Amino acid sequence: MRQFKLSRRSMASAVAIALVTVVAGASAAHARDFFSSFFGGIMNDNAHPSPPPSMPFVSPFGDAQPSPGRRVNIYGGSYGSTSYCVRTCDGRYFPVAASEGQTKAEACKSFCPASETKIFYGGSIDHASSETGKSYSDLPNAFRYRKELIAGCTCNGKDPAGLASVKIEDDPTLRKGDIVAGADGLMIAGSSRRSAALNFTPAPKSVRAKFERLPVVAAQ
């Protein structure tokens, strides 16, 4: 009987140790996930590497490779669809949206007035098509910018990579609540009570505190 009691005691101890190990492991994993998220991936776990985050949209000039699948369009379009402004002389593109008093085509042209542009719609640029049904991939210069620089193919009239300078008040991508950095510091875009036009008010101290450590690079 004594031997049986000792066996039960040993089993109880083993179970307790196992539970402590599981809880400790879960706590460590939780702490690791928390700090990894908090510090933006500075704490890298080689044993359990986190997959790279999938971007919901391509880079401003289409240099990133879009991942296949349905994505949410943060520019106000339907689920899984993005509007692309395409520079037809070399196929460069970037997401674009309509705004108050400006269509998508007009917004596209305001960013790239020095070259011909067209609007294409799709979950990714590879499968995007125009309103007439023509596919981006069927354009004579589709993805040509990846292979060569085309003389005279520019948006701002100066270089092939830059967009035309647009005043912050005329930026068609701005929405109420957006934070912008100006000569007077951080400002928050808001709607006027009398019209739908955006106005700007200084950001409160609590908002400024969140961004005071972020590096700011002035536009050239």
N, C-alpha and C. Protein backbone atom coordinates (compact mmCIF):
# COMPACT_ATOMS: atom_id res chain seq x y z
N MET A 1 0.84 -1.21 0.00
CA MET A 1 0.00 0.00 0.00
C MET A 1 0.86 1.25 0.00
N ARG A 2 1.94 1.19 0.79
CA ARG A 2 2.83 2.35 0.85
C ARG A 2 3.46 2.65 -0.50
N GLN A 3 3.85 1.56 -1.17
CA GLN A 3 4.44 1.73 -2.50
C GLN A 3 3.46 2.37 -3.47
N PHE A 4 2.18 1.99 -3.35
CA PHE A 4 1.13 2.55 -4.20
C PHE A 4 0.97 4.03 -3.95
N LYS A 5 1.02 4.44 -2.67
CA LYS A 5 0.87 5.85 -2.33
C LYS A 5 2.03 6.66 -2.90
N LEU A 6 3.23 6.06 -2.79
CA LEU A 6 4.38 6.77 -3.34
C LEU A 6 4.25 6.96 -4.85
N SER A 7 3.71 5.93 -5.51
CA SER A 7 3.53 6.02 -6.96
C SER A 7 2.53 7.11 -7.31
N ARG A 8 1.45 7.18 -6.54
CA ARG A 8 0.45 8.22 -6.79
C ARG A 8 1.06 9.60 -6.57
N ARG A 9 1.87 9.69 -5.50
CA ARG A 9 2.51 10.96 -5.22
C ARG A 9 3.46 11.36 -6.35
N SER A 10 4.20 10.38 -6.86
CA SER A 10 5.12 10.66 -7.97
C SER A 10 4.37 11.10 -9.22
N MET A 11 3.23 10.43 -9.47
CA MET A 11 2.42 10.80 -10.63
C MET A 11 1.88 12.20 -10.48
N ALA A 12 1.42 12.54 -9.27
CA ALA A 12 0.90 13.88 -9.04
C ALA A 12 1.97 14.93 -9.27
N SER A 13 3.19 14.63 -8.80
CA SER A 13 4.29 15.58 -9.00
C SER A 13 4.60 15.76 -10.48
N ALA A 14 4.59 14.65 -11.21
CA ALA A 14 4.87 14.72 -12.65
C ALA A 14 3.83 15.55 -13.38
N VAL A 15 2.55 15.36 -13.01
CA VAL A 15 1.47 16.14 -13.63
C VAL A 15 1.63 17.61 -13.32
N ALA A 16 1.97 17.92 -12.05
CA ALA A 16 2.15 19.32 -11.66
C ALA A 16 3.27 19.96 -12.44
N ILE A 17 4.39 19.22 -12.59
CA ILE A 17 5.52 19.76 -13.35
C ILE A 17 5.14 20.01 -14.81
N ALA A 18 4.38 19.07 -15.38
CA ALA A 18 3.95 19.22 -16.77
C ALA A 18 3.07 20.44 -16.94
N LEU A 19 2.15 20.66 -15.99
CA LEU A 19 1.25 21.81 -16.07
C LEU A 19 2.03 23.11 -15.97
N VAL A 20 3.00 23.15 -15.04
CA VAL A 20 3.81 24.35 -14.89
C VAL A 20 4.59 24.63 -16.17
N THR A 21 5.11 23.56 -16.78
CA THR A 21 5.87 23.72 -18.02
C THR A 21 5.00 24.27 -19.14
N VAL A 22 3.77 23.75 -19.27
CA VAL A 22 2.84 24.22 -20.31
C VAL A 22 2.47 25.66 -20.10
N VAL A 23 2.12 26.02 -18.83
CA VAL A 23 1.73 27.40 -18.52
C VAL A 23 2.89 28.34 -18.76
N ALA A 24 4.10 27.92 -18.31
CA ALA A 24 5.28 28.77 -18.51
C ALA A 24 5.56 28.97 -19.99
N GLY A 25 5.41 27.88 -20.76
CA GLY A 25 5.64 27.99 -22.20
C GLY A 25 4.64 28.91 -22.85
N ALA A 26 3.37 28.79 -22.45
CA ALA A 26 2.34 29.66 -23.01
C ALA A 26 2.58 31.10 -22.64
N SER A 27 3.01 31.35 -21.35
CA SER A 27 3.28 32.71 -20.91
C SER A 27 4.46 33.29 -21.67
N ALA A 28 5.51 32.47 -21.86
CA ALA A 28 6.67 32.95 -22.60
C ALA A 28 6.31 33.29 -24.03
N ALA A 29 5.50 32.43 -24.64
CA ALA A 29 5.07 32.69 -26.02
C ALA A 29 4.25 33.95 -26.10
N HIS A 30 3.36 34.14 -25.10
CA HIS A 30 2.52 35.33 -25.08
C HIS A 30 3.37 36.58 -24.91
N ALA A 31 4.35 36.49 -23.98
CA ALA A 31 5.22 37.64 -23.76
C ALA A 31 6.04 37.94 -25.00
N ARG A 32 6.54 36.88 -25.65
CA ARG A 32 7.33 37.07 -26.85
C ARG A 32 6.51 37.73 -27.94
N ASP A 33 5.26 37.28 -28.13
CA ASP A 33 4.40 37.87 -29.16
C ASP A 33 4.12 39.32 -28.84
N PHE A 34 3.88 39.63 -27.55
CA PHE A 34 3.55 40.99 -27.14
C PHE A 34 4.71 41.94 -27.42
N PHE A 35 5.92 41.55 -26.96
CA PHE A 35 7.06 42.42 -27.14
C PHE A 35 7.49 42.50 -28.59
N SER A 36 7.32 41.40 -29.34
CA SER A 36 7.64 41.44 -30.76
C SER A 36 6.75 42.44 -31.48
N SER A 37 5.45 42.44 -31.12
CA SER A 37 4.52 43.39 -31.74
C SER A 37 4.82 44.80 -31.28
N PHE A 38 5.15 44.96 -29.97
CA PHE A 38 5.35 46.29 -29.41
C PHE A 38 6.58 46.96 -29.98
N PHE A 39 7.66 46.18 -30.16
CA PHE A 39 8.89 46.75 -30.67
C PHE A 39 9.05 46.56 -32.17
N GLY A 40 8.00 46.16 -32.84
CA GLY A 40 8.02 46.09 -34.30
C GLY A 40 8.96 45.06 -34.87
N GLY A 41 9.12 43.95 -34.16
CA GLY A 41 9.93 42.87 -34.70
C GLY A 41 11.40 42.99 -34.39
N ILE A 42 11.78 43.93 -33.46
CA ILE A 42 13.18 44.06 -33.10
C ILE A 42 13.67 42.79 -32.42
N MET A 43 12.80 42.21 -31.57
CA MET A 43 13.15 40.98 -30.88
C MET A 43 12.85 39.82 -31.81
N ASN A 44 13.86 39.35 -32.48
CA ASN A 44 13.68 38.30 -33.49
C ASN A 44 13.86 36.94 -32.86
N ASP A 45 12.89 36.04 -33.06
CA ASP A 45 12.96 34.69 -32.55
C ASP A 45 13.35 33.77 -33.69
N ASN A 46 14.59 33.30 -33.68
CA ASN A 46 15.06 32.46 -34.78
C ASN A 46 14.38 31.12 -34.82
N ALA A 47 13.94 30.64 -33.64
CA ALA A 47 13.32 29.33 -33.59
C ALA A 47 11.92 29.36 -34.17
N HIS A 48 11.25 30.50 -34.02
CA HIS A 48 9.88 30.63 -34.53
C HIS A 48 9.76 31.94 -35.29
N PRO A 49 10.34 32.03 -36.46
CA PRO A 49 10.28 33.29 -37.22
C PRO A 49 8.87 33.63 -37.64
N SER A 50 8.54 34.91 -37.53
CA SER A 50 7.21 35.36 -37.93
C SER A 50 7.19 35.60 -39.43
N PRO A 51 6.11 35.23 -40.10
CA PRO A 51 6.03 35.47 -41.54
C PRO A 51 5.95 36.95 -41.82
N PRO A 52 6.50 37.43 -42.93
CA PRO A 52 6.43 38.85 -43.25
C PRO A 52 5.00 39.28 -43.48
N PRO A 53 4.62 40.50 -43.01
CA PRO A 53 3.25 40.95 -43.18
C PRO A 53 2.93 41.18 -44.64
N SER A 54 1.74 40.81 -45.05
CA SER A 54 1.32 41.02 -46.44
C SER A 54 0.80 42.44 -46.59
N MET A 55 1.26 43.13 -47.61
CA MET A 55 0.86 44.51 -47.83
C MET A 55 -0.47 44.56 -48.56
N PRO A 56 -1.40 45.41 -48.09
CA PRO A 56 -2.71 45.48 -48.73
C PRO A 56 -2.69 46.21 -50.05
N PHE A 57 -1.57 46.86 -50.37
CA PHE A 57 -1.51 47.55 -51.65
C PHE A 57 -0.05 47.66 -52.07
N VAL A 58 0.19 47.97 -53.32
CA VAL A 58 1.55 48.03 -53.84
C VAL A 58 2.19 49.35 -53.47
N SER A 59 3.49 49.47 -53.70
CA SER A 59 4.21 50.69 -53.41
C SER A 59 3.70 51.81 -54.32
N PRO A 60 3.93 53.08 -53.95
CA PRO A 60 3.38 54.19 -54.73
C PRO A 60 3.70 54.16 -56.21
N PHE A 61 4.81 53.49 -56.60
CA PHE A 61 5.11 53.44 -58.03
C PHE A 61 5.21 52.02 -58.54
N GLY A 62 4.56 51.08 -57.88
CA GLY A 62 4.43 49.74 -58.42
C GLY A 62 5.67 48.89 -58.41
N ASP A 63 6.66 49.22 -57.57
CA ASP A 63 7.89 48.45 -57.55
C ASP A 63 7.74 47.15 -56.77
N ALA A 64 6.81 47.10 -55.81
CA ALA A 64 6.62 45.88 -55.02
C ALA A 64 5.79 44.88 -55.80
N GLN A 65 6.05 43.61 -55.60
CA GLN A 65 5.30 42.57 -56.27
C GLN A 65 4.02 42.30 -55.50
N PRO A 66 2.83 42.51 -56.05
CA PRO A 66 1.59 42.26 -55.32
C PRO A 66 1.39 40.78 -55.11
N SER A 67 0.88 40.43 -53.92
CA SER A 67 0.60 39.03 -53.64
C SER A 67 -0.76 38.67 -54.19
N PRO A 68 -0.94 37.43 -54.70
CA PRO A 68 -2.23 37.04 -55.27
C PRO A 68 -3.29 36.95 -54.20
N GLY A 69 -4.54 36.98 -54.64
CA GLY A 69 -5.65 36.84 -53.69
C GLY A 69 -6.43 38.12 -53.56
N ARG A 70 -7.53 38.02 -52.83
CA ARG A 70 -8.39 39.17 -52.64
C ARG A 70 -7.83 40.04 -51.53
N ARG A 71 -7.94 41.36 -51.73
CA ARG A 71 -7.42 42.29 -50.74
C ARG A 71 -8.44 43.40 -50.52
N VAL A 72 -8.34 44.04 -49.37
CA VAL A 72 -9.24 45.14 -49.06
C VAL A 72 -8.64 46.42 -49.61
N ASN A 73 -9.39 47.16 -50.36
CA ASN A 73 -8.94 48.42 -50.93
C ASN A 73 -9.14 49.52 -49.91
N ILE A 74 -8.05 50.08 -49.38
CA ILE A 74 -8.17 51.12 -48.37
C ILE A 74 -8.49 52.47 -49.00
N TYR A 75 -8.59 52.54 -50.30
CA TYR A 75 -8.85 53.80 -50.97
C TYR A 75 -10.32 54.02 -51.28
N GLY A 76 -11.18 53.17 -50.74
CA GLY A 76 -12.60 53.44 -50.86
C GLY A 76 -13.32 52.67 -51.94
N GLY A 77 -12.65 51.75 -52.63
CA GLY A 77 -13.31 50.96 -53.66
C GLY A 77 -13.99 49.75 -53.08
N SER A 78 -14.47 48.86 -53.93
CA SER A 78 -15.13 47.66 -53.47
C SER A 78 -14.12 46.67 -52.94
N TYR A 79 -14.59 45.72 -52.16
CA TYR A 79 -13.72 44.73 -51.54
C TYR A 79 -12.99 43.94 -52.62
N GLY A 80 -11.66 43.85 -52.47
CA GLY A 80 -10.87 43.07 -53.41
C GLY A 80 -10.50 43.80 -54.68
N SER A 81 -10.86 45.08 -54.82
CA SER A 81 -10.57 45.82 -56.04
C SER A 81 -9.85 47.12 -55.72
N THR A 82 -8.83 47.44 -56.53
CA THR A 82 -8.08 48.68 -56.37
C THR A 82 -8.07 49.42 -57.70
N SER A 83 -8.10 50.74 -57.63
CA SER A 83 -7.99 51.56 -58.83
C SER A 83 -6.53 51.96 -59.00
N TYR A 84 -5.97 51.67 -60.17
CA TYR A 84 -4.57 51.97 -60.44
C TYR A 84 -4.45 53.07 -61.48
N CYS A 85 -3.60 54.03 -61.18
CA CYS A 85 -3.23 55.05 -62.15
C CYS A 85 -2.00 54.54 -62.88
N VAL A 86 -2.10 54.36 -64.19
CA VAL A 86 -1.03 53.75 -64.98
C VAL A 86 -0.44 54.78 -65.94
N ARG A 87 0.86 54.92 -65.91
CA ARG A 87 1.57 55.76 -66.87
C ARG A 87 1.87 54.89 -68.08
N THR A 88 1.23 55.20 -69.21
CA THR A 88 1.26 54.28 -70.35
C THR A 88 2.60 54.22 -71.07
N CYS A 89 3.45 55.22 -70.90
CA CYS A 89 4.72 55.21 -71.63
C CYS A 89 5.71 54.17 -71.12
N ASP A 90 5.54 53.73 -69.86
CA ASP A 90 6.44 52.68 -69.35
C ASP A 90 5.74 51.68 -68.42
N GLY A 91 4.43 51.88 -68.19
CA GLY A 91 3.67 50.92 -67.38
C GLY A 91 3.73 51.14 -65.89
N ARG A 92 4.40 52.17 -65.42
CA ARG A 92 4.43 52.43 -63.98
C ARG A 92 3.01 52.73 -63.49
N TYR A 93 2.76 52.40 -62.21
CA TYR A 93 1.40 52.55 -61.67
C TYR A 93 1.44 52.80 -60.18
N PHE A 94 0.32 53.32 -59.66
CA PHE A 94 0.15 53.51 -58.22
C PHE A 94 -1.35 53.57 -57.92
N PRO A 95 -1.77 53.24 -56.70
CA PRO A 95 -3.19 53.30 -56.35
C PRO A 95 -3.70 54.74 -56.36
N VAL A 96 -4.93 54.93 -56.72
CA VAL A 96 -5.51 56.27 -56.77
C VAL A 96 -6.97 56.19 -56.38
N ALA A 97 -7.51 57.30 -55.89
CA ALA A 97 -8.92 57.35 -55.48
C ALA A 97 -9.53 58.66 -55.92
N ALA A 98 -10.84 58.67 -56.05
CA ALA A 98 -11.56 59.90 -56.35
C ALA A 98 -11.67 60.73 -55.08
N SER A 99 -11.96 62.00 -55.24
CA SER A 99 -12.14 62.89 -54.09
C SER A 99 -13.23 63.89 -54.42
N GLU A 100 -13.49 64.79 -53.49
CA GLU A 100 -14.52 65.80 -53.70
C GLU A 100 -14.19 66.64 -54.93
N GLY A 101 -15.07 66.61 -55.92
CA GLY A 101 -14.90 67.43 -57.11
C GLY A 101 -13.85 66.93 -58.08
N GLN A 102 -13.36 65.70 -57.89
CA GLN A 102 -12.31 65.17 -58.76
C GLN A 102 -12.52 63.67 -58.96
N THR A 103 -12.59 63.25 -60.22
CA THR A 103 -12.73 61.83 -60.52
C THR A 103 -11.38 61.12 -60.34
N LYS A 104 -11.41 59.79 -60.42
CA LYS A 104 -10.16 59.04 -60.31
C LYS A 104 -9.21 59.39 -61.45
N ALA A 105 -9.77 59.55 -62.65
CA ALA A 105 -8.94 59.91 -63.80
C ALA A 105 -8.30 61.28 -63.62
N GLU A 106 -9.07 62.22 -63.06
CA GLU A 106 -8.54 63.56 -62.83
C GLU A 106 -7.49 63.56 -61.74
N ALA A 107 -7.73 62.76 -60.68
CA ALA A 107 -6.74 62.65 -59.61
C ALA A 107 -5.46 62.03 -60.14
N CYS A 108 -5.61 61.02 -60.98
CA CYS A 108 -4.46 60.36 -61.60
C CYS A 108 -3.65 61.36 -62.42
N LYS A 109 -4.34 62.16 -63.21
CA LYS A 109 -3.67 63.14 -64.07
C LYS A 109 -2.98 64.23 -63.26
N SER A 110 -3.56 64.59 -62.11
CA SER A 110 -2.96 65.64 -61.29
C SER A 110 -1.62 65.20 -60.72
N PHE A 111 -1.46 63.90 -60.50
CA PHE A 111 -0.19 63.38 -60.00
C PHE A 111 0.81 63.15 -61.13
N CYS A 112 0.31 62.98 -62.35
CA CYS A 112 1.19 62.66 -63.48
C CYS A 112 0.77 63.45 -64.71
N PRO A 113 0.91 64.79 -64.68
CA PRO A 113 0.42 65.61 -65.79
C PRO A 113 1.31 65.59 -67.03
N ALA A 114 2.56 65.15 -66.89
CA ALA A 114 3.49 65.23 -68.02
C ALA A 114 3.42 64.04 -68.97
N SER A 115 2.65 63.02 -68.64
CA SER A 115 2.54 61.84 -69.51
C SER A 115 1.09 61.36 -69.58
N GLU A 116 0.81 60.54 -70.57
CA GLU A 116 -0.53 59.96 -70.69
C GLU A 116 -0.75 58.95 -69.57
N THR A 117 -1.94 58.97 -68.99
CA THR A 117 -2.29 58.04 -67.92
C THR A 117 -3.66 57.42 -68.19
N LYS A 118 -3.87 56.23 -67.66
CA LYS A 118 -5.15 55.55 -67.75
C LYS A 118 -5.45 54.85 -66.42
N ILE A 119 -6.74 54.65 -66.15
CA ILE A 119 -7.17 53.99 -64.92
C ILE A 119 -7.47 52.53 -65.20
N PHE A 120 -6.95 51.66 -64.33
CA PHE A 120 -7.22 50.22 -64.41
C PHE A 120 -7.73 49.75 -63.05
N TYR A 121 -8.59 48.74 -63.06
CA TYR A 121 -9.22 48.24 -61.84
C TYR A 121 -8.94 46.75 -61.68
N GLY A 122 -8.66 46.34 -60.44
CA GLY A 122 -8.45 44.92 -60.19
C GLY A 122 -7.87 44.65 -58.82
N GLY A 123 -7.92 43.38 -58.40
CA GLY A 123 -7.35 43.00 -57.12
C GLY A 123 -5.84 43.12 -57.11
N SER A 124 -5.20 42.93 -58.26
CA SER A 124 -3.77 43.14 -58.44
C SER A 124 -3.56 43.68 -59.84
N ILE A 125 -2.42 44.32 -60.05
CA ILE A 125 -2.17 44.95 -61.35
C ILE A 125 -2.09 43.90 -62.46
N ASP A 126 -1.67 42.68 -62.13
CA ASP A 126 -1.56 41.63 -63.14
C ASP A 126 -2.90 41.29 -63.78
N HIS A 127 -3.98 41.45 -63.01
CA HIS A 127 -5.31 41.11 -63.51
C HIS A 127 -6.21 42.34 -63.64
N ALA A 128 -5.61 43.53 -63.56
CA ALA A 128 -6.40 44.75 -63.67
C ALA A 128 -6.78 45.02 -65.11
N SER A 129 -7.93 45.67 -65.30
CA SER A 129 -8.40 46.00 -66.64
C SER A 129 -9.05 47.37 -66.63
N SER A 130 -9.13 47.99 -67.80
CA SER A 130 -9.72 49.32 -67.93
C SER A 130 -11.24 49.21 -68.02
N GLU A 131 -11.91 50.35 -68.09
CA GLU A 131 -13.37 50.36 -68.21
C GLU A 131 -13.82 49.75 -69.52
N THR A 132 -12.95 49.75 -70.52
CA THR A 132 -13.29 49.15 -71.81
C THR A 132 -12.98 47.65 -71.85
N GLY A 133 -12.42 47.12 -70.76
CA GLY A 133 -12.13 45.70 -70.70
C GLY A 133 -10.72 45.31 -71.11
N LYS A 134 -9.89 46.29 -71.46
CA LYS A 134 -8.52 45.99 -71.86
C LYS A 134 -7.67 45.70 -70.64
N SER A 135 -6.91 44.62 -70.68
CA SER A 135 -6.08 44.22 -69.55
C SER A 135 -4.79 45.04 -69.50
N TYR A 136 -4.34 45.32 -68.28
CA TYR A 136 -3.06 46.02 -68.13
C TYR A 136 -1.93 45.22 -68.77
N SER A 137 -1.97 43.91 -68.60
CA SER A 137 -0.91 43.05 -69.14
C SER A 137 -0.83 43.09 -70.66
N ASP A 138 -1.92 43.54 -71.31
CA ASP A 138 -1.94 43.62 -72.77
C ASP A 138 -1.40 44.95 -73.30
N LEU A 139 -1.08 45.88 -72.40
CA LEU A 139 -0.52 47.15 -72.84
C LEU A 139 0.85 46.92 -73.47
N PRO A 140 1.19 47.67 -74.51
CA PRO A 140 2.50 47.50 -75.16
C PRO A 140 3.66 47.73 -74.19
N ASN A 141 3.45 48.61 -73.20
CA ASN A 141 4.52 48.94 -72.26
C ASN A 141 4.27 48.40 -70.86
N ALA A 142 3.47 47.38 -70.72
CA ALA A 142 3.21 46.80 -69.40
C ALA A 142 4.52 46.35 -68.75
N PHE A 143 4.77 46.83 -67.53
CA PHE A 143 5.96 46.47 -66.75
C PHE A 143 7.28 46.84 -67.44
N ARG A 144 7.23 47.70 -68.43
CA ARG A 144 8.45 48.06 -69.15
C ARG A 144 9.43 48.82 -68.25
N TYR A 145 8.89 49.55 -67.26
CA TYR A 145 9.74 50.33 -66.36
C TYR A 145 10.71 49.44 -65.58
N ARG A 146 10.40 48.15 -65.46
CA ARG A 146 11.27 47.23 -64.73
C ARG A 146 12.54 46.89 -65.52
N LYS A 147 12.51 47.13 -66.82
CA LYS A 147 13.63 46.74 -67.68
C LYS A 147 14.48 47.92 -68.13
N GLU A 148 13.85 49.08 -68.30
CA GLU A 148 14.59 50.22 -68.85
C GLU A 148 13.92 51.53 -68.50
N LEU A 149 14.68 52.60 -68.62
CA LEU A 149 14.16 53.95 -68.45
C LEU A 149 13.85 54.52 -69.83
N ILE A 150 12.65 55.05 -69.97
CA ILE A 150 12.21 55.60 -71.26
C ILE A 150 12.45 57.10 -71.26
N ALA A 151 13.18 57.59 -72.23
CA ALA A 151 13.46 59.01 -72.33
C ALA A 151 12.16 59.80 -72.48
N GLY A 152 12.00 60.83 -71.67
CA GLY A 152 10.81 61.67 -71.75
C GLY A 152 9.60 61.10 -71.05
N CYS A 153 9.71 59.89 -70.49
CA CYS A 153 8.58 59.28 -69.77
C CYS A 153 8.66 59.70 -68.31
N THR A 154 7.89 60.70 -67.95
CA THR A 154 7.96 61.28 -66.62
C THR A 154 6.61 61.82 -66.20
N CYS A 155 6.38 61.89 -64.92
CA CYS A 155 5.13 62.46 -64.40
C CYS A 155 5.29 63.94 -64.07
N ASN A 156 6.45 64.28 -63.51
CA ASN A 156 6.66 65.66 -63.06
C ASN A 156 7.44 66.50 -64.05
N GLY A 157 7.82 65.91 -65.21
CA GLY A 157 8.57 66.65 -66.20
C GLY A 157 10.05 66.76 -65.91
N LYS A 158 10.52 66.09 -64.84
CA LYS A 158 11.93 66.18 -64.45
C LYS A 158 12.64 64.84 -64.48
N ASP A 159 12.04 63.85 -63.81
CA ASP A 159 12.69 62.54 -63.71
C ASP A 159 11.64 61.44 -63.81
N PRO A 160 12.07 60.20 -64.12
CA PRO A 160 11.10 59.12 -64.32
C PRO A 160 10.47 58.59 -63.04
N ALA A 161 11.07 58.86 -61.88
CA ALA A 161 10.57 58.25 -60.65
C ALA A 161 9.61 59.14 -59.86
N GLY A 162 9.72 60.45 -60.01
CA GLY A 162 8.94 61.35 -59.17
C GLY A 162 7.55 61.63 -59.70
N LEU A 163 6.65 61.98 -58.76
CA LEU A 163 5.31 62.43 -59.11
C LEU A 163 5.28 63.95 -59.09
N ALA A 164 4.27 64.52 -59.71
CA ALA A 164 4.12 65.97 -59.69
C ALA A 164 3.79 66.42 -58.28
N SER A 165 4.32 67.58 -57.90
CA SER A 165 4.06 68.12 -56.57
C SER A 165 2.62 68.63 -56.49
N VAL A 166 1.91 68.19 -55.47
CA VAL A 166 0.52 68.59 -55.26
C VAL A 166 0.41 69.26 -53.90
N LYS A 167 -0.23 70.42 -53.84
CA LYS A 167 -0.43 71.09 -52.56
C LYS A 167 -1.23 70.19 -51.63
N ILE A 168 -0.90 70.26 -50.35
CA ILE A 168 -1.57 69.39 -49.39
C ILE A 168 -3.07 69.63 -49.38
N GLU A 169 -3.48 70.88 -49.63
CA GLU A 169 -4.91 71.19 -49.65
C GLU A 169 -5.62 70.54 -50.82
N ASP A 170 -4.85 70.24 -51.89
CA ASP A 170 -5.44 69.66 -53.09
C ASP A 170 -5.18 68.16 -53.22
N ASP A 171 -4.58 67.56 -52.22
CA ASP A 171 -4.26 66.12 -52.28
C ASP A 171 -5.56 65.32 -52.28
N PRO A 172 -5.87 64.60 -53.36
CA PRO A 172 -7.14 63.87 -53.44
C PRO A 172 -7.20 62.64 -52.55
N THR A 173 -6.06 62.22 -52.00
CA THR A 173 -6.06 61.02 -51.16
C THR A 173 -6.33 61.33 -49.69
N LEU A 174 -6.33 62.60 -49.32
CA LEU A 174 -6.56 62.96 -47.92
C LEU A 174 -7.99 62.70 -47.50
N ARG A 175 -8.16 62.26 -46.26
CA ARG A 175 -9.47 62.01 -45.68
C ARG A 175 -9.54 62.65 -44.30
N LYS A 176 -10.74 62.88 -43.83
CA LYS A 176 -10.94 63.45 -42.51
C LYS A 176 -10.27 62.58 -41.46
N GLY A 177 -9.47 63.21 -40.60
CA GLY A 177 -8.77 62.48 -39.56
C GLY A 177 -7.33 62.16 -39.90
N ASP A 178 -6.93 62.36 -41.17
CA ASP A 178 -5.54 62.10 -41.56
C ASP A 178 -4.61 63.11 -40.88
N ILE A 179 -3.41 62.67 -40.55
CA ILE A 179 -2.41 63.53 -39.91
C ILE A 179 -1.34 63.88 -40.93
N VAL A 180 -1.05 65.16 -41.06
CA VAL A 180 -0.03 65.61 -42.01
C VAL A 180 0.98 66.48 -41.26
N ALA A 181 2.22 66.48 -41.76
CA ALA A 181 3.29 67.30 -41.17
C ALA A 181 3.51 68.51 -42.05
N GLY A 182 3.42 69.69 -41.46
CA GLY A 182 3.60 70.93 -42.20
C GLY A 182 4.59 71.84 -41.52
N ALA A 183 4.70 73.06 -42.02
CA ALA A 183 5.64 74.02 -41.45
C ALA A 183 5.29 74.37 -40.01
N ASP A 184 4.01 74.24 -39.67
CA ASP A 184 3.56 74.56 -38.31
C ASP A 184 3.44 73.32 -37.44
N GLY A 185 4.03 72.21 -37.86
CA GLY A 185 3.95 70.99 -37.07
C GLY A 185 2.87 70.05 -37.58
N LEU A 186 2.50 69.09 -36.74
CA LEU A 186 1.49 68.11 -37.12
C LEU A 186 0.10 68.73 -37.14
N MET A 187 -0.63 68.45 -38.22
CA MET A 187 -1.98 68.97 -38.38
C MET A 187 -2.93 67.81 -38.68
N ILE A 188 -4.18 67.97 -38.27
CA ILE A 188 -5.20 66.95 -38.53
C ILE A 188 -6.22 67.50 -39.51
N ALA A 189 -6.48 66.73 -40.56
CA ALA A 189 -7.46 67.14 -41.57
C ALA A 189 -8.87 66.94 -41.03
N GLY A 190 -9.72 67.94 -41.23
CA GLY A 190 -11.10 67.86 -40.78
C GLY A 190 -12.01 68.57 -41.76
N SER A 191 -13.28 68.27 -41.73
CA SER A 191 -14.25 68.88 -42.64
C SER A 191 -14.82 70.16 -42.04
N SER A 192 -15.02 71.14 -42.90
CA SER A 192 -15.67 72.36 -42.46
C SER A 192 -17.15 72.14 -42.26
N ARG A 193 -17.74 72.83 -41.31
CA ARG A 193 -19.18 72.68 -41.06
C ARG A 193 -20.01 73.21 -42.22
N ARG A 194 -19.47 74.14 -42.96
CA ARG A 194 -20.23 74.78 -44.04
C ARG A 194 -20.03 74.10 -45.38
N SER A 195 -18.99 73.31 -45.51
CA SER A 195 -18.73 72.65 -46.79
C SER A 195 -18.01 71.34 -46.54
N ALA A 196 -17.84 70.59 -47.63
CA ALA A 196 -17.15 69.30 -47.53
C ALA A 196 -15.64 69.46 -47.66
N ALA A 197 -15.17 70.71 -47.88
CA ALA A 197 -13.74 70.94 -48.05
C ALA A 197 -12.99 70.64 -46.75
N LEU A 198 -11.77 70.17 -46.90
CA LEU A 198 -10.96 69.85 -45.73
C LEU A 198 -10.28 71.10 -45.19
N ASN A 199 -10.21 71.20 -43.87
CA ASN A 199 -9.39 72.21 -43.24
C ASN A 199 -8.44 71.52 -42.27
N PHE A 200 -7.50 72.26 -41.73
CA PHE A 200 -6.47 71.65 -40.90
C PHE A 200 -6.38 72.36 -39.56
N THR A 201 -6.30 71.58 -38.50
CA THR A 201 -6.16 72.11 -37.15
C THR A 201 -4.94 71.46 -36.50
N PRO A 202 -4.28 72.17 -35.59
CA PRO A 202 -3.10 71.59 -34.92
C PRO A 202 -3.46 70.31 -34.18
N ALA A 203 -2.59 69.33 -34.27
CA ALA A 203 -2.82 68.06 -33.57
C ALA A 203 -2.66 68.27 -32.07
N PRO A 204 -3.49 67.61 -31.26
CA PRO A 204 -3.37 67.74 -29.80
C PRO A 204 -2.05 67.17 -29.30
N LYS A 205 -1.70 67.52 -28.08
CA LYS A 205 -0.43 67.10 -27.50
C LYS A 205 -0.29 65.58 -27.44
N SER A 206 -1.40 64.89 -27.16
CA SER A 206 -1.35 63.43 -27.06
C SER A 206 -0.98 62.79 -28.40
N VAL A 207 -1.44 63.39 -29.50
CA VAL A 207 -1.11 62.87 -30.83
C VAL A 207 0.33 63.20 -31.18
N ARG A 208 0.76 64.43 -30.88
CA ARG A 208 2.14 64.83 -31.18
C ARG A 208 3.15 63.96 -30.44
N ALA A 209 2.80 63.55 -29.21
CA ALA A 209 3.72 62.73 -28.42
C ALA A 209 3.99 61.39 -29.07
N LYS A 210 2.99 60.86 -29.79
CA LYS A 210 3.16 59.55 -30.43
C LYS A 210 4.11 59.62 -31.63
N PHE A 211 4.22 60.79 -32.23
CA PHE A 211 5.00 60.91 -33.46
C PHE A 211 6.31 61.68 -33.27
N GLU A 212 6.58 62.16 -32.06
CA GLU A 212 7.75 63.02 -31.88
C GLU A 212 9.07 62.26 -32.07
N ARG A 213 9.04 60.93 -31.93
CA ARG A 213 10.27 60.16 -32.10
C ARG A 213 10.46 59.65 -33.53
N LEU A 214 9.45 59.82 -34.37
CA LEU A 214 9.55 59.34 -35.74
C LEU A 214 10.39 60.29 -36.58
N PRO A 215 11.32 59.78 -37.40
CA PRO A 215 12.11 60.67 -38.26
C PRO A 215 11.25 61.26 -39.37
N VAL A 216 11.42 62.52 -39.64
CA VAL A 216 10.68 63.22 -40.69
C VAL A 216 11.67 63.72 -41.73
N VAL A 217 11.44 63.37 -42.99
CA VAL A 217 12.32 63.80 -44.08
C VAL A 217 11.57 64.79 -44.94
N ALA A 218 12.14 65.95 -45.14
CA ALA A 218 11.49 66.99 -45.93
C ALA A 218 11.53 66.63 -47.40
N ALA A 219 10.47 66.98 -48.12
CA ALA A 219 10.42 66.73 -49.57
C ALA A 219 11.38 67.67 -50.27
N GLN A 220 12.03 67.15 -51.29
CA GLN A 220 13.00 67.96 -52.04
C GLN A 220 12.29 68.71 -53.16
